[in-house]
Every structure is written in structure tokens, then in C-alpha cells.
């Protein structure tokens, strides 16, 4: 099993001082920062654009794990790659050329990932597993932070982990939504190795406690 990675979700940080959120993650020795991009169409919320990513990149050397929650992510991967994304993950649910978009992300010098909503079966990702660096299983319906973790997604995580092992693949298996010090270990037991934690990290009395806990999973 791959070593655990904590990717604090910028969505739960202070939006008036996003650079401080990135700085906190770096000061705690973390390497990743999760950046949620929402378009108000695919999900009922608006967040950050490529300009925000570019501005943050000037203040941070962290691995930017950029999650595109967009109706047409294929039209925006170049903008986010140029802005400083390290990895770009796209949803399987909208209609576009998923394989070509994943190839394009790689050609732009970024790692690529595929995202599944809670109601989307693992089988939707199966054709792409050999071509991605990460699969993200959403453990809430995307759109807003602070939602309750959905345990019905755990069997999907187990299935993805099983396919990874059976085919000798190396993609990371990420979870996002309601992940905290209780639900995170459940995801780890199911096979996840990368943990997007927002409210439970930035809202913690001592985020360092969260960072140490995840390192031990």
C-alpha cells in the first residue's frame, strides 16, 4: 500500500488569505494542496479560477492537486496547467473525450486524475485506470465543504484498490468529502492512500495533530 498523503483542501481555508492556507500546509511539512475548481454548472457552487492558482503558485512550491468540477473540463486544462497545477483531475460524468483530455493533461506536463461522484460506479473508471496517476472517489456529492461522509462509497474504494493490485497499477487512490480522523482510517482500510481534508484540517484547533495522524495511517 502506498504511503499516506494528506492534501488539505483550500476550499476550507480563509478565502481572504489563501496564501496563508498554503503556507500552513508547507510549515507542517505537507507536500500537497488540494484546489477545488467549481463552475456553478456541474456543481452548484463557484470557487477559484486559473488566476487564483497562478497567484498562489507565486507563494508556494507545494504540489497543487487541482480538481476540475466543470461541465467542460477539456476546455480548461491548458489554462490550469499554465497557471501552475501539478496534477489535474477531471470528472468522468460529463460528456467529452475523457481519454484525449487525460493525454492532453500529460502532454502539458501535469499528472492526471479521474474523479467519480458518489453515485458513479467504479466501472466507469475501469477503462482509464492504466492511463491515470490518481483516481478520486468522492465521499460526498461535490459542491460544498462540510458535508457528512458517505460510507456507501467504501465498497467502491475497495473495488478500485483491488483492480489496482490485480493489474499491477500505480495510481494513487484519493478520497474527498467528510474525511476526518474517524472516517479517514476507514478509507485507509478500504484501500485509499491520499486524503483530501478540508474542514477537519483548517478548522482544527491544532492542524498539526491532523497531519501527524494521517502520516500514521
Protein backbone atom coordinates (compact mmCIF):
# COMPACT_ATOMS: atom_id res chain seq x y z
CA UNK A 1 0.00 0.00 0.00
CA UNK A 2 1.28 3.46 -0.86
CA UNK A 3 2.34 5.80 1.95
CA UNK A 4 -0.46 8.15 3.04
CA UNK A 5 -0.62 11.68 1.71
CA UNK A 6 -2.64 14.50 3.27
CA UNK A 7 -3.90 17.08 0.79
CA UNK A 8 -5.52 19.95 2.73
CA UNK A 9 -8.46 21.39 0.82
CA UNK A 10 -8.05 25.09 0.11
CA UNK A 11 -11.84 25.36 -0.06
CA UNK A 12 -11.96 25.20 3.76
CA UNK A 13 -9.23 27.78 4.33
CA UNK A 14 -9.64 31.53 4.79
CA UNK A 15 -10.58 32.79 1.32
CA UNK A 16 -9.35 36.25 2.23
CA UNK A 17 -5.86 34.83 2.74
CA UNK A 18 -5.42 31.71 0.63
CA UNK A 19 -1.64 32.06 0.67
CA UNK A 20 -1.73 31.61 4.44
CA UNK A 21 -3.51 28.29 3.99
CA UNK A 22 -0.83 27.11 1.60
CA UNK A 23 1.88 28.36 3.95
CA UNK A 24 0.38 26.45 6.87
CA UNK A 25 0.46 23.21 4.90
CA UNK A 26 4.10 23.78 3.95
CA UNK A 27 5.11 24.69 7.51
CA UNK A 28 3.67 21.39 8.73
CA UNK A 29 5.83 19.51 6.26
CA UNK A 30 2.99 18.58 3.91
CA UNK A 31 3.64 18.33 0.19
CA UNK A 32 0.18 18.57 -1.40
CA UNK A 33 -2.56 21.19 -1.53
CA UNK A 34 -5.98 20.31 -2.96
CA UNK A 35 -7.60 23.05 -5.06
CA UNK A 36 -11.29 22.68 -5.93
CA UNK A 37 -12.43 24.38 -9.13
CA UNK A 38 -16.22 24.70 -9.47
CA UNK A 39 -18.13 26.25 -12.34
CA UNK A 40 -21.66 26.71 -10.97
CA UNK A 41 -23.00 24.27 -13.60
CA UNK A 42 -21.57 20.82 -12.97
CA UNK A 43 -21.83 21.61 -9.27
CA UNK A 44 -23.98 24.32 -7.62
CA UNK A 45 -21.11 26.47 -6.43
CA UNK A 46 -18.38 28.77 -7.71
CA UNK A 47 -14.83 28.79 -6.39
CA UNK A 48 -11.49 29.59 -7.96
CA UNK A 49 -10.23 30.22 -11.47
CA UNK A 50 -6.80 29.79 -13.08
CA UNK A 51 -5.83 33.29 -11.94
CA UNK A 52 -6.14 32.16 -8.32
CA UNK A 53 -3.93 29.15 -8.98
CA UNK A 54 -1.35 31.36 -10.73
CA UNK A 55 -1.35 33.83 -7.85
CA UNK A 56 -0.91 31.04 -5.30
CA UNK A 57 1.90 29.49 -7.30
CA UNK A 58 3.95 32.64 -6.74
CA UNK A 59 3.80 31.98 -3.00
CA UNK A 60 4.03 28.19 -2.83
CA UNK A 61 6.10 25.29 -4.11
CA UNK A 62 3.52 22.72 -2.96
CA UNK A 63 2.14 20.05 -5.26
CA UNK A 64 -1.12 21.61 -6.49
CA UNK A 65 -3.73 18.86 -6.76
CA UNK A 66 -6.30 20.63 -8.93
CA UNK A 67 -9.79 19.10 -9.10
CA UNK A 68 -11.89 20.40 -12.00
CA UNK A 69 -15.62 20.20 -11.24
CA UNK A 70 -16.62 21.56 -14.63
CA UNK A 71 -19.13 20.71 -17.34
CA UNK A 72 -16.40 21.01 -19.98
CA UNK A 73 -13.06 20.39 -18.26
CA UNK A 74 -11.40 19.62 -21.60
CA UNK A 75 -11.65 23.31 -22.46
CA UNK A 76 -9.77 24.45 -19.37
CA UNK A 77 -6.90 22.04 -18.73
CA UNK A 78 -4.40 24.18 -20.60
CA UNK A 79 -5.28 27.28 -18.58
CA UNK A 80 -4.78 25.47 -15.27
CA UNK A 81 -1.59 23.78 -16.41
CA UNK A 82 -0.14 27.15 -17.38
CA UNK A 83 -1.31 28.59 -14.05
CA UNK A 84 0.82 26.12 -12.12
CA UNK A 85 -1.22 22.99 -11.49
CA UNK A 86 0.89 19.94 -10.68
CA UNK A 87 -1.94 17.47 -11.22
CA UNK A 88 -5.30 17.97 -12.90
CA UNK A 89 -8.21 15.65 -12.17
CA UNK A 90 -11.32 15.54 -14.34
CA UNK A 91 -14.76 14.01 -13.73
CA UNK A 92 -15.97 11.01 -15.68
CA UNK A 93 -19.64 12.11 -15.60
CA UNK A 94 -19.79 14.94 -18.20
CA UNK A 95 -19.77 14.09 -21.90
CA UNK A 96 -16.43 14.83 -23.58
CA UNK A 97 -13.41 12.84 -24.76
CA UNK A 98 -12.02 11.67 -21.43
CA UNK A 99 -9.07 9.72 -22.87
CA UNK A 100 -7.94 12.59 -25.09
CA UNK A 101 -8.23 15.04 -22.20
CA UNK A 102 -6.12 12.83 -19.94
CA UNK A 103 -3.49 12.61 -22.68
CA UNK A 104 -3.59 16.37 -23.08
CA UNK A 105 -3.01 16.92 -19.36
CA UNK A 106 0.08 14.70 -19.53
CA UNK A 107 1.33 16.49 -22.64
CA UNK A 108 1.07 19.76 -20.71
CA UNK A 109 3.48 18.38 -18.10
CA UNK A 110 0.97 17.62 -15.34
CA UNK A 111 -0.07 14.41 -13.68
CA UNK A 112 -3.64 13.39 -14.47
CA UNK A 113 -6.51 12.04 -12.43
CA UNK A 114 -10.07 10.83 -12.88
CA UNK A 115 -12.92 11.60 -10.45
CA UNK A 116 -16.06 9.63 -9.61
CA UNK A 117 -19.10 11.12 -7.87
CA UNK A 118 -20.66 9.02 -5.07
CA UNK A 119 -23.36 7.60 -7.34
CA UNK A 120 -20.99 6.73 -10.19
CA UNK A 121 -19.86 3.09 -10.21
CA UNK A 122 -16.21 2.08 -10.16
CA UNK A 123 -16.71 0.51 -13.59
CA UNK A 124 -16.88 3.99 -15.13
CA UNK A 125 -13.19 4.47 -14.31
CA UNK A 126 -12.03 0.98 -15.27
CA UNK A 127 -11.17 1.74 -18.93
CA UNK A 128 -8.84 4.55 -17.86
CA UNK A 129 -7.03 3.03 -14.88
CA UNK A 130 -3.82 2.30 -16.79
CA UNK A 131 -3.67 5.89 -18.02
CA UNK A 132 -4.07 7.90 -14.80
CA UNK A 133 -1.88 8.86 -11.86
CA UNK A 134 -4.83 9.14 -9.48
CA UNK A 135 -8.45 8.11 -9.05
CA UNK A 136 -10.54 10.27 -6.73
CA UNK A 137 -13.62 8.68 -5.19
CA UNK A 138 -15.84 11.48 -3.91
CA UNK A 139 -17.25 10.63 -0.49
CA UNK A 140 -19.81 13.45 -0.66
CA UNK A 141 -21.76 14.92 -3.56
CA UNK A 142 -19.38 17.67 -4.72
CA UNK A 143 -20.26 21.32 -4.43
CA UNK A 144 -19.84 22.37 -0.82
CA UNK A 145 -17.47 21.66 2.05
CA UNK A 146 -18.51 20.42 5.46
CA UNK A 147 -20.83 17.62 4.28
CA UNK A 148 -21.22 14.27 6.02
CA UNK A 149 -19.09 11.35 4.87
CA UNK A 150 -20.87 8.70 2.79
CA UNK A 151 -19.89 5.21 3.89
CA UNK A 152 -21.70 3.70 0.93
CA UNK A 153 -18.66 4.74 -1.16
CA UNK A 154 -16.29 2.45 0.79
CA UNK A 155 -17.02 -0.65 -1.34
CA UNK A 156 -16.16 1.38 -4.45
CA UNK A 157 -12.79 2.29 -2.93
CA UNK A 158 -12.17 -1.38 -2.17
CA UNK A 159 -13.02 -2.34 -5.76
CA UNK A 160 -10.67 0.27 -7.21
CA UNK A 161 -7.89 -0.86 -4.88
CA UNK A 162 -8.50 -4.47 -5.91
CA UNK A 163 -8.22 -3.65 -9.61
CA UNK A 164 -5.06 -1.65 -8.94
CA UNK A 165 -3.44 -4.63 -7.23
CA UNK A 166 -4.68 -7.20 -9.78
CA UNK A 167 -3.28 -5.24 -12.72
CA UNK A 168 -0.10 -4.00 -11.03
CA UNK A 169 -1.04 -0.35 -11.50
CA UNK A 170 0.46 2.56 -9.60
CA UNK A 171 -2.26 5.19 -9.44
CA UNK A 172 -2.99 6.83 -6.11
CA UNK A 173 -6.47 6.35 -4.66
CA UNK A 174 -7.82 9.59 -3.22
CA UNK A 175 -10.92 10.35 -1.13
CA UNK A 176 -12.56 13.73 -0.65
CA UNK A 177 -15.57 14.77 1.40
CA UNK A 178 -16.24 14.46 5.10
CA UNK A 179 -12.82 12.93 5.68
CA UNK A 180 -11.59 13.35 9.24
CA UNK A 181 -9.77 11.42 11.97
CA UNK A 182 -12.67 8.95 12.21
CA UNK A 183 -13.61 8.40 8.58
CA UNK A 184 -10.07 8.65 7.20
CA UNK A 185 -8.89 5.37 8.76
CA UNK A 186 -12.00 3.66 7.33
CA UNK A 187 -10.97 4.86 3.87
CA UNK A 188 -7.41 3.71 4.50
CA UNK A 189 -8.67 0.24 5.45
CA UNK A 190 -10.65 0.18 2.19
CA UNK A 191 -7.51 0.94 0.17
CA UNK A 192 -7.26 4.74 -0.07
CA UNK A 193 -3.86 6.39 0.31
CA UNK A 194 -4.50 10.07 -0.42
CA UNK A 195 -6.78 12.10 1.83
CA UNK A 196 -8.34 15.45 0.99
CA UNK A 197 -9.22 17.01 4.33
CA UNK A 198 -10.77 20.46 4.50
CA UNK A 199 -12.88 21.42 7.48
CA UNK A 200 -11.22 18.88 9.78
CA UNK A 201 -7.81 20.35 8.94
CA UNK A 202 -8.27 24.10 8.60
CA UNK A 203 -10.94 24.13 11.30
CA UNK A 204 -8.91 22.07 13.75
CA UNK A 205 -7.67 23.59 16.99
CA UNK A 206 -4.23 22.24 16.05
CA UNK A 207 -3.87 21.19 12.38
CA UNK A 208 -0.51 19.62 13.25
CA UNK A 209 -2.39 16.90 15.14
CA UNK A 210 -4.30 16.07 11.96
CA UNK A 211 -1.10 15.99 9.91
CA UNK A 212 0.60 13.62 12.35
CA UNK A 213 -2.44 11.35 12.50
CA UNK A 214 -2.68 10.98 8.73
CA UNK A 215 1.05 10.22 8.50
CA UNK A 216 0.42 7.25 10.77
CA UNK A 217 -2.46 5.72 8.83
